[in-house]
N, C-alpha and C. Protein backbone atom coordinates (compact mmCIF):
# COMPACT_ATOMS: atom_id res chain seq x y z
N UNK A 1 -25.88 13.17 -14.62
CA UNK A 1 -24.72 13.70 -13.92
C UNK A 1 -23.48 13.76 -14.82
N UNK A 2 -23.55 13.11 -15.97
CA UNK A 2 -22.42 13.12 -16.89
C UNK A 2 -22.68 14.11 -18.03
N UNK A 3 -21.68 14.91 -18.35
CA UNK A 3 -21.84 15.92 -19.40
C UNK A 3 -21.76 15.26 -20.78
N UNK A 4 -22.23 16.00 -21.78
CA UNK A 4 -22.17 15.50 -23.16
C UNK A 4 -20.72 15.33 -23.61
N UNK A 5 -19.85 16.23 -23.15
CA UNK A 5 -18.43 16.14 -23.52
C UNK A 5 -17.82 14.85 -23.02
N UNK A 6 -18.15 14.50 -21.76
CA UNK A 6 -17.59 13.26 -21.22
C UNK A 6 -18.17 12.05 -21.97
N UNK A 7 -19.47 12.04 -22.18
CA UNK A 7 -20.11 10.91 -22.87
C UNK A 7 -19.52 10.72 -24.26
N UNK A 8 -19.32 11.83 -24.97
CA UNK A 8 -18.75 11.77 -26.32
C UNK A 8 -17.32 11.23 -26.27
N UNK A 9 -16.53 11.74 -25.32
CA UNK A 9 -15.14 11.31 -25.21
C UNK A 9 -15.05 9.85 -24.78
N UNK A 10 -15.92 9.44 -23.87
CA UNK A 10 -15.92 8.06 -23.39
C UNK A 10 -16.30 7.10 -24.52
N UNK A 11 -17.28 7.49 -25.33
CA UNK A 11 -17.69 6.66 -26.48
C UNK A 11 -16.53 6.55 -27.47
N UNK A 12 -15.81 7.65 -27.66
CA UNK A 12 -14.65 7.65 -28.56
C UNK A 12 -13.55 6.73 -28.02
N UNK A 13 -13.28 6.80 -26.72
CA UNK A 13 -12.29 5.92 -26.09
C UNK A 13 -12.68 4.46 -26.24
N UNK A 14 -13.96 4.18 -26.10
CA UNK A 14 -14.46 2.81 -26.25
C UNK A 14 -14.24 2.32 -27.68
N UNK A 15 -14.46 3.19 -28.66
CA UNK A 15 -14.25 2.83 -30.07
C UNK A 15 -12.78 2.54 -30.33
N UNK A 16 -11.91 3.38 -29.78
CA UNK A 16 -10.46 3.18 -29.92
C UNK A 16 -10.05 1.86 -29.28
N UNK A 17 -10.62 1.57 -28.11
CA UNK A 17 -10.29 0.32 -27.41
C UNK A 17 -10.67 -0.89 -28.26
N UNK A 18 -11.82 -0.83 -28.92
CA UNK A 18 -12.26 -1.94 -29.76
C UNK A 18 -11.32 -2.13 -30.96
N UNK A 19 -10.80 -1.02 -31.47
CA UNK A 19 -9.96 -1.08 -32.68
C UNK A 19 -8.58 -1.65 -32.42
N UNK A 20 -8.08 -1.56 -31.18
CA UNK A 20 -6.70 -1.99 -30.91
C UNK A 20 -6.58 -3.49 -30.68
N UNK A 21 -7.67 -4.17 -30.52
CA UNK A 21 -7.61 -5.60 -30.16
C UNK A 21 -6.99 -6.44 -31.25
N UNK A 22 -7.26 -6.09 -32.52
CA UNK A 22 -6.74 -6.90 -33.63
C UNK A 22 -5.82 -6.08 -34.53
N UNK A 23 -5.35 -4.94 -34.03
CA UNK A 23 -4.48 -4.08 -34.83
C UNK A 23 -3.03 -4.56 -34.77
N UNK A 24 -2.27 -4.32 -35.85
CA UNK A 24 -0.85 -4.65 -35.84
C UNK A 24 -0.05 -3.47 -35.29
N UNK A 25 1.27 -3.60 -35.28
CA UNK A 25 2.13 -2.58 -34.68
C UNK A 25 1.99 -1.24 -35.39
N UNK A 26 1.94 -1.27 -36.71
CA UNK A 26 1.83 -0.01 -37.47
C UNK A 26 0.51 0.70 -37.20
N UNK A 27 -0.57 -0.08 -37.17
CA UNK A 27 -1.89 0.50 -36.90
C UNK A 27 -1.94 1.07 -35.48
N UNK A 28 -1.31 0.37 -34.55
CA UNK A 28 -1.24 0.85 -33.17
C UNK A 28 -0.43 2.13 -33.07
N UNK A 29 0.62 2.22 -33.88
CA UNK A 29 1.44 3.45 -33.92
C UNK A 29 0.60 4.65 -34.33
N UNK A 30 -0.21 4.45 -35.37
CA UNK A 30 -1.07 5.53 -35.86
C UNK A 30 -2.10 5.93 -34.81
N UNK A 31 -2.67 4.93 -34.14
CA UNK A 31 -3.65 5.20 -33.09
C UNK A 31 -3.01 5.93 -31.91
N UNK A 32 -1.79 5.53 -31.58
CA UNK A 32 -1.09 6.16 -30.46
C UNK A 32 -0.78 7.63 -30.76
N UNK A 33 -0.41 7.90 -32.00
CA UNK A 33 -0.17 9.29 -32.41
C UNK A 33 -1.45 10.12 -32.32
N UNK A 34 -2.54 9.49 -32.71
CA UNK A 34 -3.84 10.17 -32.64
C UNK A 34 -4.20 10.51 -31.19
N UNK A 35 -3.92 9.57 -30.29
CA UNK A 35 -4.20 9.79 -28.87
C UNK A 35 -3.30 10.89 -28.30
N UNK A 36 -2.05 10.93 -28.74
CA UNK A 36 -1.13 11.96 -28.27
C UNK A 36 -1.60 13.34 -28.71
N UNK A 37 -2.10 13.43 -29.94
CA UNK A 37 -2.66 14.70 -30.43
C UNK A 37 -3.90 15.09 -29.62
N UNK A 38 -4.69 14.09 -29.26
CA UNK A 38 -5.90 14.33 -28.49
C UNK A 38 -5.58 14.83 -27.08
N UNK A 39 -4.50 14.29 -26.49
CA UNK A 39 -4.10 14.70 -25.14
C UNK A 39 -3.65 16.15 -25.11
N UNK A 40 -2.88 16.54 -26.09
CA UNK A 40 -2.39 17.91 -26.13
C UNK A 40 -1.26 18.14 -25.15
N UNK A 41 -1.58 18.27 -23.87
CA UNK A 41 -0.58 18.56 -22.84
C UNK A 41 0.09 17.27 -22.38
N UNK A 42 1.44 17.18 -22.48
CA UNK A 42 2.14 15.94 -22.11
C UNK A 42 2.23 15.71 -20.61
N UNK A 43 2.25 16.79 -19.82
CA UNK A 43 2.39 16.65 -18.37
C UNK A 43 1.29 17.44 -17.67
N UNK A 44 0.95 16.97 -16.49
CA UNK A 44 -0.08 17.64 -15.70
C UNK A 44 -0.64 16.69 -14.66
N UNK A 45 -1.79 17.07 -14.08
CA UNK A 45 -2.41 16.22 -13.05
C UNK A 45 -2.76 14.84 -13.58
N UNK A 46 -3.12 14.76 -14.88
CA UNK A 46 -3.55 13.50 -15.46
C UNK A 46 -2.43 12.47 -15.49
N UNK A 47 -1.16 12.94 -15.62
CA UNK A 47 -0.04 11.99 -15.68
C UNK A 47 0.22 11.34 -14.32
N UNK A 48 -0.25 11.95 -13.26
CA UNK A 48 -0.08 11.39 -11.92
C UNK A 48 -1.36 10.73 -11.41
N UNK A 49 -2.40 10.71 -12.23
CA UNK A 49 -3.65 10.07 -11.84
C UNK A 49 -4.44 10.81 -10.78
N UNK A 50 -4.16 12.12 -10.60
CA UNK A 50 -4.83 12.90 -9.55
C UNK A 50 -6.36 12.90 -9.71
N UNK A 51 -6.90 13.10 -10.92
CA UNK A 51 -8.38 13.09 -11.06
C UNK A 51 -9.00 11.77 -10.61
N UNK A 52 -8.34 10.66 -10.92
CA UNK A 52 -8.86 9.35 -10.52
C UNK A 52 -8.78 9.18 -9.01
N UNK A 53 -7.72 9.67 -8.39
CA UNK A 53 -7.56 9.59 -6.93
C UNK A 53 -8.67 10.37 -6.24
N UNK A 54 -8.93 11.59 -6.72
CA UNK A 54 -9.98 12.44 -6.12
C UNK A 54 -11.36 11.78 -6.26
N UNK A 55 -11.64 11.28 -7.46
CA UNK A 55 -12.94 10.64 -7.70
C UNK A 55 -13.10 9.38 -6.86
N UNK A 56 -12.04 8.61 -6.69
CA UNK A 56 -12.09 7.37 -5.91
C UNK A 56 -12.32 7.66 -4.43
N UNK A 57 -11.57 8.62 -3.89
CA UNK A 57 -11.74 8.99 -2.48
C UNK A 57 -13.15 9.54 -2.22
N UNK A 58 -13.67 10.33 -3.15
CA UNK A 58 -15.02 10.88 -3.02
C UNK A 58 -16.06 9.77 -3.02
N UNK A 59 -15.86 8.79 -3.89
CA UNK A 59 -16.77 7.64 -3.96
C UNK A 59 -16.72 6.84 -2.66
N UNK A 60 -15.53 6.63 -2.15
CA UNK A 60 -15.35 5.87 -0.91
C UNK A 60 -16.02 6.57 0.28
N UNK A 61 -15.84 7.87 0.37
CA UNK A 61 -16.44 8.64 1.46
C UNK A 61 -17.96 8.72 1.32
N UNK A 62 -18.43 8.83 0.08
CA UNK A 62 -19.87 8.85 -0.16
C UNK A 62 -20.54 7.56 0.28
N UNK A 63 -19.85 6.45 0.07
CA UNK A 63 -20.38 5.15 0.50
C UNK A 63 -20.31 5.01 2.02
N UNK A 64 -19.22 5.51 2.61
CA UNK A 64 -19.05 5.42 4.07
C UNK A 64 -20.16 6.16 4.82
N UNK A 65 -20.62 7.29 4.24
CA UNK A 65 -21.66 8.07 4.91
C UNK A 65 -22.99 7.33 5.02
N UNK A 66 -23.30 6.52 4.02
CA UNK A 66 -24.62 5.88 3.98
C UNK A 66 -24.62 4.47 4.57
N UNK A 67 -23.44 3.89 4.70
CA UNK A 67 -23.39 2.47 5.04
C UNK A 67 -23.99 2.14 6.41
N UNK A 68 -23.68 2.94 7.43
CA UNK A 68 -24.18 2.65 8.77
C UNK A 68 -25.71 2.69 8.81
N UNK A 69 -26.27 3.74 8.19
CA UNK A 69 -27.73 3.88 8.16
C UNK A 69 -28.38 2.74 7.38
N UNK A 70 -27.73 2.30 6.32
CA UNK A 70 -28.24 1.20 5.51
C UNK A 70 -28.35 -0.08 6.34
N UNK A 71 -27.31 -0.38 7.10
CA UNK A 71 -27.33 -1.60 7.91
C UNK A 71 -28.26 -1.46 9.11
N UNK A 72 -28.44 -0.24 9.62
CA UNK A 72 -29.41 -0.02 10.70
C UNK A 72 -30.81 -0.39 10.24
N UNK A 73 -31.15 0.03 9.02
CA UNK A 73 -32.47 -0.27 8.47
C UNK A 73 -32.65 -1.77 8.23
N UNK A 74 -31.59 -2.41 7.70
CA UNK A 74 -31.67 -3.84 7.41
C UNK A 74 -31.81 -4.66 8.70
N UNK A 75 -31.01 -4.33 9.70
CA UNK A 75 -31.05 -5.09 10.96
C UNK A 75 -32.31 -4.81 11.75
N UNK A 76 -32.85 -3.60 11.63
CA UNK A 76 -34.11 -3.30 12.34
C UNK A 76 -35.26 -4.13 11.78
N UNK A 77 -35.19 -4.45 10.49
CA UNK A 77 -36.21 -5.31 9.88
C UNK A 77 -36.17 -6.73 10.41
N UNK A 78 -34.97 -7.16 10.85
CA UNK A 78 -34.81 -8.51 11.41
C UNK A 78 -34.80 -8.51 12.93
N UNK A 79 -35.13 -7.35 13.51
CA UNK A 79 -35.16 -7.18 14.96
C UNK A 79 -33.83 -7.54 15.63
N UNK A 80 -32.74 -7.23 14.94
CA UNK A 80 -31.41 -7.49 15.49
C UNK A 80 -30.93 -6.27 16.27
N UNK A 81 -30.14 -6.49 17.29
CA UNK A 81 -29.65 -5.40 18.12
C UNK A 81 -28.60 -4.56 17.41
N UNK A 82 -28.37 -3.33 17.91
CA UNK A 82 -27.40 -2.44 17.28
C UNK A 82 -25.96 -2.97 17.33
N UNK A 83 -25.68 -3.86 18.32
CA UNK A 83 -24.33 -4.42 18.42
C UNK A 83 -23.99 -5.33 17.23
N UNK A 84 -25.02 -5.77 16.50
CA UNK A 84 -24.80 -6.64 15.33
C UNK A 84 -24.42 -5.85 14.08
N UNK A 85 -24.50 -4.54 14.15
CA UNK A 85 -24.16 -3.70 12.98
C UNK A 85 -22.75 -3.98 12.48
N UNK A 86 -21.84 -4.23 13.41
CA UNK A 86 -20.45 -4.49 13.07
C UNK A 86 -20.32 -5.63 12.07
N UNK A 87 -21.17 -6.67 12.23
CA UNK A 87 -21.09 -7.85 11.37
C UNK A 87 -21.60 -7.58 9.96
N UNK A 88 -22.31 -6.49 9.78
CA UNK A 88 -22.73 -6.08 8.44
C UNK A 88 -21.78 -5.06 7.83
N UNK A 89 -21.34 -4.12 8.66
CA UNK A 89 -20.51 -3.01 8.18
C UNK A 89 -19.13 -3.47 7.73
N UNK A 90 -18.46 -4.28 8.56
CA UNK A 90 -17.08 -4.67 8.26
C UNK A 90 -16.94 -5.47 6.97
N UNK A 91 -17.72 -6.57 6.77
CA UNK A 91 -17.59 -7.31 5.50
C UNK A 91 -17.94 -6.46 4.28
N UNK A 92 -19.00 -5.64 4.41
CA UNK A 92 -19.40 -4.79 3.29
C UNK A 92 -18.31 -3.79 2.92
N UNK A 93 -17.71 -3.18 3.95
CA UNK A 93 -16.63 -2.21 3.72
C UNK A 93 -15.44 -2.87 3.03
N UNK A 94 -15.10 -4.09 3.47
CA UNK A 94 -13.97 -4.80 2.88
C UNK A 94 -14.24 -5.18 1.42
N UNK A 95 -15.45 -5.70 1.18
CA UNK A 95 -15.81 -6.09 -0.20
C UNK A 95 -15.83 -4.87 -1.11
N UNK A 96 -16.41 -3.78 -0.62
CA UNK A 96 -16.47 -2.55 -1.42
C UNK A 96 -15.07 -2.03 -1.72
N UNK A 97 -14.20 -2.06 -0.71
CA UNK A 97 -12.82 -1.58 -0.90
C UNK A 97 -12.07 -2.42 -1.92
N UNK A 98 -12.28 -3.74 -1.88
CA UNK A 98 -11.61 -4.63 -2.83
C UNK A 98 -12.12 -4.38 -4.26
N UNK A 99 -13.44 -4.33 -4.40
CA UNK A 99 -14.04 -4.09 -5.73
C UNK A 99 -13.59 -2.75 -6.29
N UNK A 100 -13.60 -1.72 -5.45
CA UNK A 100 -13.19 -0.39 -5.89
C UNK A 100 -11.72 -0.37 -6.27
N UNK A 101 -10.87 -1.03 -5.49
CA UNK A 101 -9.43 -1.07 -5.78
C UNK A 101 -9.15 -1.77 -7.11
N UNK A 102 -9.82 -2.90 -7.33
CA UNK A 102 -9.64 -3.64 -8.59
C UNK A 102 -10.13 -2.80 -9.77
N UNK A 103 -11.26 -2.13 -9.59
CA UNK A 103 -11.83 -1.28 -10.64
C UNK A 103 -10.86 -0.15 -10.99
N UNK A 104 -10.32 0.50 -9.98
CA UNK A 104 -9.37 1.60 -10.21
C UNK A 104 -8.11 1.10 -10.90
N UNK A 105 -7.65 -0.09 -10.50
CA UNK A 105 -6.46 -0.68 -11.14
C UNK A 105 -6.68 -0.86 -12.65
N UNK A 106 -7.84 -1.40 -13.03
CA UNK A 106 -8.10 -1.63 -14.45
C UNK A 106 -8.39 -0.33 -15.21
N UNK A 107 -8.91 0.68 -14.51
CA UNK A 107 -9.03 2.00 -15.15
C UNK A 107 -7.64 2.52 -15.49
N UNK A 108 -6.71 2.38 -14.54
CA UNK A 108 -5.34 2.84 -14.75
C UNK A 108 -4.65 2.06 -15.87
N UNK A 109 -5.13 0.83 -16.13
CA UNK A 109 -4.58 0.02 -17.21
C UNK A 109 -5.22 0.35 -18.56
N UNK A 110 -6.21 1.24 -18.55
CA UNK A 110 -6.83 1.68 -19.79
C UNK A 110 -8.02 0.88 -20.27
N UNK A 111 -8.72 0.21 -19.34
CA UNK A 111 -9.89 -0.59 -19.70
C UNK A 111 -11.17 0.21 -19.46
N UNK A 112 -11.92 0.44 -20.52
CA UNK A 112 -13.13 1.27 -20.44
C UNK A 112 -14.27 0.57 -19.71
N UNK A 113 -14.26 -0.76 -19.68
CA UNK A 113 -15.28 -1.49 -18.92
C UNK A 113 -15.17 -1.16 -17.44
N UNK A 114 -13.94 -0.96 -16.96
CA UNK A 114 -13.72 -0.59 -15.57
C UNK A 114 -14.26 0.81 -15.29
N UNK A 115 -14.15 1.71 -16.27
CA UNK A 115 -14.70 3.06 -16.13
C UNK A 115 -16.22 2.98 -16.02
N UNK A 116 -16.84 2.13 -16.84
CA UNK A 116 -18.29 1.94 -16.80
C UNK A 116 -18.73 1.43 -15.43
N UNK A 117 -17.98 0.47 -14.87
CA UNK A 117 -18.30 -0.07 -13.55
C UNK A 117 -18.16 1.01 -12.48
N UNK A 118 -17.11 1.82 -12.58
CA UNK A 118 -16.89 2.91 -11.63
C UNK A 118 -18.06 3.89 -11.66
N UNK A 119 -18.53 4.23 -12.85
CA UNK A 119 -19.65 5.16 -12.98
C UNK A 119 -20.95 4.54 -12.45
N UNK A 120 -21.14 3.24 -12.67
CA UNK A 120 -22.33 2.55 -12.14
C UNK A 120 -22.32 2.55 -10.62
N UNK A 121 -21.15 2.34 -10.04
CA UNK A 121 -21.02 2.38 -8.58
C UNK A 121 -21.35 3.78 -8.06
N UNK A 122 -20.86 4.80 -8.75
CA UNK A 122 -21.12 6.18 -8.33
C UNK A 122 -22.61 6.51 -8.39
N UNK A 123 -23.28 6.06 -9.44
CA UNK A 123 -24.72 6.32 -9.58
C UNK A 123 -25.52 5.59 -8.50
N UNK A 124 -25.12 4.35 -8.20
CA UNK A 124 -25.81 3.57 -7.16
C UNK A 124 -25.66 4.23 -5.79
N UNK A 125 -24.44 4.66 -5.49
CA UNK A 125 -24.19 5.31 -4.19
C UNK A 125 -24.92 6.65 -4.10
N UNK A 126 -25.02 7.37 -5.20
CA UNK A 126 -25.77 8.63 -5.21
C UNK A 126 -27.24 8.39 -4.87
N UNK A 127 -27.83 7.33 -5.45
CA UNK A 127 -29.23 6.99 -5.15
C UNK A 127 -29.38 6.64 -3.67
N UNK A 128 -28.45 5.85 -3.13
CA UNK A 128 -28.50 5.48 -1.72
C UNK A 128 -28.36 6.71 -0.82
N UNK A 129 -27.45 7.62 -1.18
CA UNK A 129 -27.27 8.84 -0.38
C UNK A 129 -28.51 9.74 -0.43
N UNK A 130 -29.16 9.79 -1.58
CA UNK A 130 -30.39 10.59 -1.70
C UNK A 130 -31.50 10.00 -0.84
N UNK A 131 -31.62 8.67 -0.85
CA UNK A 131 -32.62 8.00 0.00
C UNK A 131 -32.30 8.23 1.47
N UNK A 132 -31.03 8.16 1.80
CA UNK A 132 -30.57 8.41 3.16
C UNK A 132 -30.94 9.83 3.60
N UNK A 133 -30.78 10.78 2.68
CA UNK A 133 -31.12 12.18 2.98
C UNK A 133 -32.62 12.34 3.25
N UNK A 134 -33.45 11.71 2.42
CA UNK A 134 -34.90 11.80 2.57
C UNK A 134 -35.34 11.21 3.92
N UNK A 135 -34.79 10.03 4.25
CA UNK A 135 -35.13 9.40 5.54
C UNK A 135 -34.65 10.23 6.72
N UNK A 136 -33.46 10.80 6.59
CA UNK A 136 -32.90 11.62 7.67
C UNK A 136 -33.70 12.90 7.86
N UNK A 137 -34.14 13.48 6.76
CA UNK A 137 -34.95 14.69 6.82
C UNK A 137 -36.30 14.40 7.49
N UNK A 138 -36.87 13.26 7.16
CA UNK A 138 -38.15 12.84 7.77
C UNK A 138 -37.97 12.63 9.29
N UNK A 139 -36.88 11.95 9.66
CA UNK A 139 -36.60 11.73 11.09
C UNK A 139 -36.34 13.06 11.81
N UNK A 140 -35.68 13.98 11.12
CA UNK A 140 -35.37 15.28 11.71
C UNK A 140 -36.65 16.07 11.98
N UNK A 141 -37.60 15.97 11.05
CA UNK A 141 -38.88 16.67 11.23
C UNK A 141 -39.70 16.08 12.38
N UNK A 142 -39.45 14.79 12.68
CA UNK A 142 -40.15 14.13 13.79
C UNK A 142 -39.37 14.24 15.10
N UNK A 143 -38.25 14.99 15.06
CA UNK A 143 -37.41 15.19 16.24
C UNK A 143 -36.90 13.88 16.85
N UNK A 144 -36.52 12.95 15.99
CA UNK A 144 -35.99 11.69 16.48
C UNK A 144 -34.53 11.87 16.93
N UNK A 145 -34.08 11.02 17.86
CA UNK A 145 -32.69 11.14 18.35
C UNK A 145 -31.67 10.96 17.22
N UNK A 146 -30.62 11.74 17.26
CA UNK A 146 -29.50 11.68 16.30
C UNK A 146 -29.91 12.02 14.87
N UNK A 147 -31.13 12.52 14.67
CA UNK A 147 -31.59 12.84 13.32
C UNK A 147 -30.77 13.97 12.71
N UNK A 148 -30.35 14.93 13.51
CA UNK A 148 -29.54 16.04 13.01
C UNK A 148 -28.19 15.57 12.49
N UNK A 149 -27.55 14.68 13.26
CA UNK A 149 -26.25 14.13 12.84
C UNK A 149 -26.39 13.30 11.57
N UNK A 150 -27.48 12.54 11.49
CA UNK A 150 -27.71 11.73 10.29
C UNK A 150 -27.99 12.59 9.07
N UNK A 151 -28.67 13.71 9.28
CA UNK A 151 -28.97 14.62 8.17
C UNK A 151 -27.67 15.23 7.63
N UNK A 152 -26.79 15.62 8.54
CA UNK A 152 -25.49 16.17 8.12
C UNK A 152 -24.67 15.11 7.38
N UNK A 153 -24.70 13.89 7.90
CA UNK A 153 -23.99 12.77 7.26
C UNK A 153 -24.52 12.51 5.86
N UNK A 154 -25.84 12.57 5.69
CA UNK A 154 -26.46 12.36 4.37
C UNK A 154 -26.06 13.45 3.39
N UNK A 155 -26.05 14.69 3.87
CA UNK A 155 -25.64 15.82 3.03
C UNK A 155 -24.18 15.68 2.60
N UNK A 156 -23.33 15.27 3.54
CA UNK A 156 -21.92 15.06 3.20
C UNK A 156 -21.76 13.96 2.16
N UNK A 157 -22.54 12.88 2.31
CA UNK A 157 -22.48 11.80 1.32
C UNK A 157 -22.85 12.28 -0.07
N UNK A 158 -23.90 13.09 -0.17
CA UNK A 158 -24.31 13.64 -1.47
C UNK A 158 -23.24 14.55 -2.03
N UNK A 159 -22.65 15.38 -1.17
CA UNK A 159 -21.59 16.30 -1.62
C UNK A 159 -20.37 15.54 -2.12
N UNK A 160 -20.01 14.45 -1.45
CA UNK A 160 -18.87 13.65 -1.90
C UNK A 160 -19.12 13.04 -3.28
N UNK A 161 -20.33 12.53 -3.50
CA UNK A 161 -20.65 11.94 -4.80
C UNK A 161 -20.71 13.01 -5.89
N UNK A 162 -21.23 14.17 -5.55
CA UNK A 162 -21.24 15.29 -6.51
C UNK A 162 -19.81 15.65 -6.89
N UNK A 163 -18.91 15.67 -5.89
CA UNK A 163 -17.50 15.95 -6.16
C UNK A 163 -16.91 14.89 -7.09
N UNK A 164 -17.29 13.62 -6.88
CA UNK A 164 -16.81 12.54 -7.76
C UNK A 164 -17.25 12.77 -9.20
N UNK A 165 -18.51 13.16 -9.40
CA UNK A 165 -19.02 13.40 -10.75
C UNK A 165 -18.41 14.66 -11.36
N UNK A 166 -18.20 15.68 -10.55
CA UNK A 166 -17.54 16.89 -11.05
C UNK A 166 -16.12 16.58 -11.53
N UNK A 167 -15.44 15.71 -10.80
CA UNK A 167 -14.08 15.31 -11.18
C UNK A 167 -14.09 14.51 -12.47
N UNK A 168 -15.05 13.60 -12.58
CA UNK A 168 -15.16 12.77 -13.80
C UNK A 168 -15.46 13.65 -15.02
N UNK A 169 -16.27 14.67 -14.83
CA UNK A 169 -16.64 15.55 -15.95
C UNK A 169 -15.57 16.59 -16.29
N UNK A 170 -14.55 16.71 -15.44
CA UNK A 170 -13.50 17.70 -15.66
C UNK A 170 -12.64 17.33 -16.87
N UNK A 171 -12.10 18.33 -17.59
CA UNK A 171 -11.23 18.06 -18.74
C UNK A 171 -10.02 17.19 -18.38
N UNK A 172 -9.47 17.38 -17.18
CA UNK A 172 -8.28 16.61 -16.77
C UNK A 172 -8.58 15.12 -16.68
N UNK A 173 -9.82 14.75 -16.33
CA UNK A 173 -10.18 13.34 -16.26
C UNK A 173 -10.24 12.75 -17.67
N UNK A 174 -10.77 13.50 -18.62
CA UNK A 174 -10.83 13.03 -20.01
C UNK A 174 -9.42 12.85 -20.58
N UNK A 175 -8.55 13.80 -20.29
CA UNK A 175 -7.17 13.70 -20.76
C UNK A 175 -6.49 12.49 -20.11
N UNK A 176 -6.79 12.26 -18.83
CA UNK A 176 -6.22 11.11 -18.11
C UNK A 176 -6.66 9.79 -18.75
N UNK A 177 -7.94 9.69 -19.12
CA UNK A 177 -8.42 8.47 -19.79
C UNK A 177 -7.69 8.24 -21.10
N UNK A 178 -7.46 9.32 -21.84
CA UNK A 178 -6.73 9.22 -23.11
C UNK A 178 -5.31 8.74 -22.87
N UNK A 179 -4.66 9.28 -21.83
CA UNK A 179 -3.30 8.86 -21.50
C UNK A 179 -3.25 7.39 -21.11
N UNK A 180 -4.20 6.93 -20.33
CA UNK A 180 -4.20 5.53 -19.89
C UNK A 180 -4.46 4.59 -21.06
N UNK A 181 -5.29 5.02 -21.99
CA UNK A 181 -5.53 4.24 -23.20
C UNK A 181 -4.28 4.23 -24.08
N UNK A 182 -3.60 5.37 -24.15
CA UNK A 182 -2.34 5.48 -24.89
C UNK A 182 -1.30 4.51 -24.32
N UNK A 183 -1.19 4.47 -22.99
CA UNK A 183 -0.22 3.57 -22.35
C UNK A 183 -0.58 2.10 -22.56
N UNK A 184 -1.87 1.82 -22.65
CA UNK A 184 -2.29 0.44 -22.92
C UNK A 184 -1.87 0.03 -24.33
N UNK A 185 -2.02 0.94 -25.29
CA UNK A 185 -1.59 0.66 -26.66
C UNK A 185 -0.08 0.46 -26.72
N UNK A 186 0.64 1.28 -25.99
CA UNK A 186 2.10 1.18 -25.94
C UNK A 186 2.53 -0.19 -25.39
N UNK A 187 1.86 -0.65 -24.34
CA UNK A 187 2.17 -1.98 -23.79
C UNK A 187 1.82 -3.08 -24.78
N UNK A 188 0.72 -2.90 -25.51
CA UNK A 188 0.32 -3.87 -26.53
C UNK A 188 1.35 -3.93 -27.65
N UNK A 189 1.90 -2.79 -28.04
CA UNK A 189 2.94 -2.75 -29.06
C UNK A 189 4.18 -3.53 -28.61
N UNK A 190 4.59 -3.31 -27.38
CA UNK A 190 5.75 -4.03 -26.84
C UNK A 190 5.52 -5.53 -26.82
N UNK A 191 4.29 -5.92 -26.51
CA UNK A 191 3.95 -7.34 -26.48
C UNK A 191 4.04 -7.94 -27.89
N UNK A 192 3.50 -7.23 -28.87
CA UNK A 192 3.55 -7.72 -30.25
C UNK A 192 4.98 -7.79 -30.77
N UNK A 193 5.79 -6.82 -30.40
CA UNK A 193 7.20 -6.83 -30.83
C UNK A 193 7.97 -7.99 -30.22
N UNK A 194 7.70 -8.28 -28.94
CA UNK A 194 8.35 -9.42 -28.28
C UNK A 194 7.92 -10.73 -28.92
N UNK A 195 6.62 -10.82 -29.27
CA UNK A 195 6.12 -12.02 -29.93
C UNK A 195 6.77 -12.21 -31.30
N UNK A 196 6.98 -11.11 -32.02
CA UNK A 196 7.62 -11.17 -33.34
C UNK A 196 9.07 -11.63 -33.21
N UNK A 197 9.76 -11.19 -32.16
CA UNK A 197 11.15 -11.57 -31.96
C UNK A 197 11.28 -13.04 -31.59
N UNK A 198 10.34 -13.56 -30.81
CA UNK A 198 10.42 -14.97 -30.39
C UNK A 198 10.12 -15.92 -31.54
N UNK A 199 9.41 -15.43 -32.55
CA UNK A 199 9.08 -16.29 -33.72
C UNK A 199 10.28 -16.44 -34.65
N UNK A 200 11.24 -15.54 -34.55
CA UNK A 200 12.41 -15.60 -35.45
C UNK A 200 13.39 -16.70 -35.03
């Protein structure tokens, strides 16, 4: 689901991230200039984090589509009533929202490990949505109750995850990652300068 352009750019961002950990102010200056050249356009959707917002909302909606069916299957295995679904859905939704929020925060701070986690979450949800679609299609063919609604829900979940991957593969998302990495270097420079001043 990830294009070669994104993979190449992400690998490059990861290399830059590794290089800034032990770099001094001058080396960081050179790296920051390189990132600015790579960005090209100083203003746009990437400066407001729009690509990340779209991808995050798509991921959240993709998970929401499959979650009810997932807990239905789990509780049916334990012969639990449908009224118990709430006790599975609510904690899972809260945990997912917290993990996703923290992940997005660290992406905005320029950490590539957070991007990797975000992509892993997207791939996992895509697999769940695909399984949900297969089960819903099977139920629909057997004319089971609510199978049509579940099939539509599964299709929507897949479409939301596809939208998330399309956003990630877009040029604006790559430029946004470069900008966030640039801002991380800038903050690191300020930290090193403050440390140098306190030593005097």
